[in-house]
N, C-alpha and C. Protein backbone atom coordinates (compact mmCIF):
# COMPACT_ATOMS: atom_id res chain seq x y z
N MET A 1 58.28 57.72 131.49
CA MET A 1 58.33 58.52 130.31
C MET A 1 59.80 58.89 130.05
N SER A 2 60.23 58.82 128.83
CA SER A 2 61.61 59.16 128.48
C SER A 2 61.75 60.67 128.31
N PRO A 3 62.98 61.19 128.51
CA PRO A 3 63.16 62.64 128.36
C PRO A 3 62.94 63.09 126.91
N ARG A 4 62.50 64.30 126.79
CA ARG A 4 62.26 64.86 125.47
C ARG A 4 63.59 65.11 124.76
N ARG A 5 63.65 64.77 123.51
CA ARG A 5 64.89 64.97 122.76
C ARG A 5 64.85 66.31 122.04
N ILE A 6 65.98 66.95 122.04
CA ILE A 6 66.12 68.21 121.33
C ILE A 6 66.86 67.91 120.04
N ARG A 7 66.23 68.21 118.94
CA ARG A 7 66.85 67.96 117.64
C ARG A 7 67.62 69.21 117.22
N ARG A 8 68.87 68.98 116.86
CA ARG A 8 69.71 70.09 116.43
C ARG A 8 70.25 69.82 115.04
N ASP A 9 70.47 70.89 114.34
CA ASP A 9 71.05 70.78 113.00
C ASP A 9 72.49 70.31 113.16
N ARG A 10 72.87 69.25 112.52
CA ARG A 10 74.21 68.69 112.63
C ARG A 10 75.06 68.99 111.40
N SER A 11 74.70 70.03 110.66
CA SER A 11 75.43 70.34 109.43
C SER A 11 76.74 71.06 109.69
N GLY A 12 77.09 71.37 110.94
CA GLY A 12 78.35 72.03 111.25
C GLY A 12 78.14 73.48 111.65
N PRO A 13 79.23 74.13 112.07
CA PRO A 13 79.11 75.51 112.52
C PRO A 13 78.82 76.45 111.36
N ALA A 14 78.20 77.56 111.70
CA ALA A 14 77.91 78.58 110.68
C ALA A 14 79.22 79.20 110.20
N GLU A 15 79.20 79.76 109.03
CA GLU A 15 80.37 80.44 108.51
C GLU A 15 80.70 81.62 109.43
N PRO A 16 81.98 81.78 109.79
CA PRO A 16 82.33 82.91 110.64
C PRO A 16 82.00 84.24 109.97
N VAL A 17 81.38 85.11 110.73
CA VAL A 17 81.06 86.44 110.23
C VAL A 17 81.64 87.43 111.23
N PRO A 18 82.88 87.88 110.99
CA PRO A 18 83.50 88.78 111.96
C PRO A 18 82.79 90.12 112.02
N GLY A 19 82.82 90.71 113.19
CA GLY A 19 82.23 92.02 113.35
C GLY A 19 83.10 93.08 112.71
N PRO A 20 82.61 94.30 112.62
CA PRO A 20 83.40 95.36 112.00
C PRO A 20 84.63 95.70 112.85
N GLU A 21 85.70 96.02 112.18
CA GLU A 21 86.93 96.40 112.88
C GLU A 21 86.89 97.89 113.19
N ARG A 22 87.54 98.26 114.27
CA ARG A 22 87.68 99.67 114.60
C ARG A 22 89.03 99.86 115.27
N VAL A 23 89.53 101.06 115.27
CA VAL A 23 90.80 101.36 115.93
C VAL A 23 90.50 102.00 117.27
N GLU A 24 91.10 101.46 118.33
CA GLU A 24 90.96 102.01 119.67
C GLU A 24 92.30 102.55 120.12
N SER A 25 92.31 103.74 120.71
CA SER A 25 93.53 104.33 121.24
C SER A 25 93.57 104.11 122.75
N TRP A 26 94.64 103.49 123.21
CA TRP A 26 94.85 103.20 124.62
C TRP A 26 96.22 103.73 125.01
N PRO A 27 96.52 103.83 126.32
CA PRO A 27 97.86 104.28 126.72
C PRO A 27 98.98 103.37 126.19
N ASP A 28 98.66 102.12 125.90
CA ASP A 28 99.69 101.21 125.37
C ASP A 28 99.71 101.20 123.84
N GLY A 29 99.03 102.14 123.19
CA GLY A 29 99.09 102.26 121.74
C GLY A 29 97.73 102.16 121.08
N ASP A 30 97.74 102.19 119.77
CA ASP A 30 96.52 102.06 118.98
C ASP A 30 96.35 100.59 118.59
N TRP A 31 95.12 100.10 118.70
CA TRP A 31 94.82 98.70 118.43
C TRP A 31 93.65 98.59 117.47
N VAL A 32 93.76 97.66 116.54
CA VAL A 32 92.62 97.31 115.71
C VAL A 32 91.86 96.26 116.49
N VAL A 33 90.57 96.48 116.70
CA VAL A 33 89.75 95.61 117.56
C VAL A 33 88.54 95.13 116.78
N ARG A 34 88.26 93.86 116.92
CA ARG A 34 87.08 93.25 116.28
C ARG A 34 86.34 92.44 117.34
N ARG A 35 85.06 92.66 117.46
CA ARG A 35 84.22 91.84 118.35
C ARG A 35 83.81 90.60 117.57
N VAL A 36 83.98 89.44 118.19
CA VAL A 36 83.63 88.18 117.54
C VAL A 36 82.42 87.60 118.26
N PRO A 37 81.29 87.45 117.57
CA PRO A 37 80.12 86.84 118.21
C PRO A 37 80.37 85.36 118.44
N GLY A 38 79.68 84.79 119.39
CA GLY A 38 79.86 83.37 119.71
C GLY A 38 79.63 82.46 118.51
N THR A 39 78.71 82.82 117.65
CA THR A 39 78.42 81.97 116.49
C THR A 39 79.56 81.97 115.48
N ALA A 40 80.47 82.95 115.56
CA ALA A 40 81.59 83.03 114.63
C ALA A 40 82.88 82.54 115.27
N SER A 41 82.77 81.84 116.38
CA SER A 41 83.95 81.37 117.11
C SER A 41 83.95 79.84 117.13
N PRO A 42 84.46 79.20 116.07
CA PRO A 42 84.36 77.74 115.97
C PRO A 42 85.39 76.96 116.77
N LYS A 43 86.40 77.61 117.35
CA LYS A 43 87.41 76.87 118.10
C LYS A 43 87.79 77.63 119.36
N ALA A 44 88.50 76.97 120.24
CA ALA A 44 88.92 77.57 121.50
C ALA A 44 90.22 78.35 121.30
N TYR A 45 90.40 79.40 122.11
CA TYR A 45 91.60 80.21 122.09
C TYR A 45 92.06 80.41 123.52
N ARG A 46 93.30 80.84 123.72
CA ARG A 46 93.82 81.15 125.05
C ARG A 46 93.94 82.66 125.17
N CYS A 47 93.29 83.23 126.19
CA CYS A 47 93.29 84.67 126.42
C CYS A 47 94.64 85.09 127.02
N PRO A 48 95.32 86.07 126.41
CA PRO A 48 96.60 86.51 126.97
C PRO A 48 96.44 87.32 128.26
N GLY A 49 95.23 87.78 128.55
CA GLY A 49 95.00 88.58 129.75
C GLY A 49 94.94 87.75 131.02
N CYS A 50 94.27 86.60 130.96
CA CYS A 50 94.09 85.78 132.15
C CYS A 50 94.70 84.39 131.99
N ASP A 51 95.20 84.09 130.80
CA ASP A 51 95.80 82.79 130.47
C ASP A 51 94.80 81.64 130.63
N GLN A 52 93.51 81.95 130.47
CA GLN A 52 92.47 80.93 130.52
C GLN A 52 91.91 80.71 129.13
N GLU A 53 91.30 79.57 128.93
CA GLU A 53 90.74 79.24 127.63
C GLU A 53 89.46 80.03 127.36
N ILE A 54 89.31 80.46 126.13
CA ILE A 54 88.05 81.03 125.65
C ILE A 54 87.39 79.89 124.88
N PRO A 55 86.37 79.25 125.42
CA PRO A 55 85.76 78.09 124.75
C PRO A 55 85.14 78.46 123.41
N ALA A 56 85.09 77.50 122.53
CA ALA A 56 84.42 77.69 121.23
C ALA A 56 82.99 78.16 121.48
N GLY A 57 82.51 79.06 120.67
CA GLY A 57 81.14 79.56 120.80
C GLY A 57 80.99 80.69 121.79
N THR A 58 82.10 81.21 122.33
CA THR A 58 82.04 82.29 123.31
C THR A 58 82.35 83.62 122.63
N PRO A 59 81.49 84.62 122.79
CA PRO A 59 81.81 85.94 122.23
C PRO A 59 83.10 86.48 122.87
N HIS A 60 83.94 87.12 122.08
CA HIS A 60 85.19 87.66 122.60
C HIS A 60 85.72 88.76 121.68
N ILE A 61 86.92 89.24 121.98
CA ILE A 61 87.57 90.32 121.23
C ILE A 61 88.81 89.77 120.54
N VAL A 62 89.05 90.20 119.31
CA VAL A 62 90.31 89.94 118.64
C VAL A 62 90.97 91.29 118.45
N ALA A 63 92.24 91.41 118.86
CA ALA A 63 92.93 92.69 118.76
C ALA A 63 94.36 92.47 118.27
N TRP A 64 94.87 93.49 117.56
CA TRP A 64 96.26 93.47 117.13
C TRP A 64 96.72 94.92 117.00
N PRO A 65 98.03 95.15 117.13
CA PRO A 65 98.53 96.52 117.05
C PRO A 65 98.19 97.17 115.72
N ALA A 66 97.72 98.41 115.75
CA ALA A 66 97.30 99.11 114.54
C ALA A 66 98.48 99.39 113.61
N ASP A 67 99.68 99.49 114.17
CA ASP A 67 100.84 99.78 113.32
C ASP A 67 101.38 98.53 112.63
N ARG A 68 100.76 97.38 112.87
CA ARG A 68 101.19 96.13 112.25
C ARG A 68 100.07 95.48 111.45
N VAL A 69 99.25 96.28 110.83
CA VAL A 69 98.07 95.78 110.11
C VAL A 69 98.45 94.77 109.04
N GLY A 70 99.51 94.99 108.31
CA GLY A 70 99.88 94.08 107.23
C GLY A 70 100.74 92.91 107.67
N MET A 71 100.93 92.70 108.96
CA MET A 71 101.85 91.68 109.45
C MET A 71 101.26 90.27 109.41
N GLY A 72 99.97 90.10 109.24
CA GLY A 72 99.38 88.77 109.18
C GLY A 72 98.70 88.36 110.47
N ILE A 73 98.23 87.14 110.47
CA ILE A 73 97.43 86.67 111.60
C ILE A 73 98.25 86.35 112.84
N ASP A 74 99.58 86.31 112.73
CA ASP A 74 100.41 86.01 113.89
C ASP A 74 100.34 87.09 114.96
N GLU A 75 99.96 88.28 114.60
CA GLU A 75 99.88 89.38 115.56
C GLU A 75 98.54 89.45 116.28
N ARG A 76 97.53 88.74 115.78
CA ARG A 76 96.20 88.81 116.40
C ARG A 76 96.17 88.03 117.70
N ARG A 77 95.45 88.56 118.67
CA ARG A 77 95.26 87.88 119.95
C ARG A 77 93.78 87.89 120.28
N HIS A 78 93.31 86.77 120.80
CA HIS A 78 91.90 86.61 121.18
C HIS A 78 91.80 86.82 122.69
N TRP A 79 90.95 87.75 123.10
CA TRP A 79 90.81 88.15 124.50
C TRP A 79 89.37 87.96 124.96
N HIS A 80 89.19 87.59 126.24
CA HIS A 80 87.86 87.74 126.85
C HIS A 80 87.56 89.24 126.82
N THR A 81 86.32 89.60 126.63
CA THR A 81 85.96 91.02 126.55
C THR A 81 86.37 91.76 127.82
N ALA A 82 86.11 91.20 128.99
CA ALA A 82 86.47 91.86 130.25
C ALA A 82 87.99 91.95 130.41
N CYS A 83 88.72 90.94 130.00
CA CYS A 83 90.19 90.98 130.09
C CYS A 83 90.75 92.08 129.21
N TRP A 84 90.19 92.24 128.02
CA TRP A 84 90.66 93.31 127.12
C TRP A 84 90.41 94.67 127.75
N GLN A 85 89.24 94.88 128.30
CA GLN A 85 88.90 96.18 128.87
C GLN A 85 89.70 96.50 130.13
N ASN A 86 90.15 95.47 130.85
CA ASN A 86 90.87 95.67 132.12
C ASN A 86 92.35 95.34 132.03
N ARG A 87 92.89 95.15 130.84
CA ARG A 87 94.26 94.67 130.72
C ARG A 87 95.30 95.63 131.28
N LEU A 88 95.04 96.93 131.26
CA LEU A 88 96.02 97.88 131.77
C LEU A 88 96.06 97.93 133.29
N ARG A 89 95.03 97.43 133.94
CA ARG A 89 94.98 97.40 135.41
C ARG A 89 95.55 96.12 135.99
N ARG A 90 95.80 95.15 135.16
CA ARG A 90 96.26 93.84 135.62
C ARG A 90 97.78 93.85 135.78
N ALA A 91 98.24 93.33 136.90
CA ALA A 91 99.69 93.20 137.12
C ALA A 91 100.21 92.06 136.26
N PRO A 92 101.49 92.13 135.88
CA PRO A 92 102.04 91.00 135.11
C PRO A 92 101.90 89.71 135.91
N GLY A 93 101.50 88.66 135.24
CA GLY A 93 101.27 87.39 135.93
C GLY A 93 102.16 86.30 135.39
N ILE A 94 101.93 85.13 135.89
CA ILE A 94 102.66 83.97 135.42
C ILE A 94 101.96 83.44 134.18
N HIS A 95 102.70 83.26 133.13
CA HIS A 95 102.14 82.75 131.90
C HIS A 95 102.57 81.31 131.68
N ARG A 96 101.68 80.55 131.16
CA ARG A 96 101.92 79.15 130.89
C ARG A 96 102.97 79.00 129.78
N ARG A 97 103.89 78.08 129.97
CA ARG A 97 104.87 77.81 128.94
C ARG A 97 104.26 76.89 127.89
N PRO A 98 104.62 77.09 126.62
CA PRO A 98 104.09 76.19 125.59
C PRO A 98 104.58 74.77 125.82
N ARG A 99 103.71 73.83 125.53
CA ARG A 99 104.08 72.43 125.64
C ARG A 99 104.89 72.02 124.43
N GLY A 100 105.77 71.09 124.64
CA GLY A 100 106.46 70.59 123.45
C GLY A 100 107.88 70.29 123.64
């Protein structure tokens, strides 16, 4: 007997629907934080907390400094949820150099 096939919709990823933004106050400043559900994460990102990849489809956090709201998307960083919550306890580590 052959294995059962699972039929999936191949029309592409759903339109990203970002979660509501909120401002969080931390010892390192005020941050605008948005929770991103896995369904709204169509590509992979690199977490600045652990320098590991956040695979596409993984729920995570997007954060940027609250005092730079109008600065554009260059200030946003995508974090694993646990890395964001524990970032102040982490010692500075070795960061990967950009290729090129």
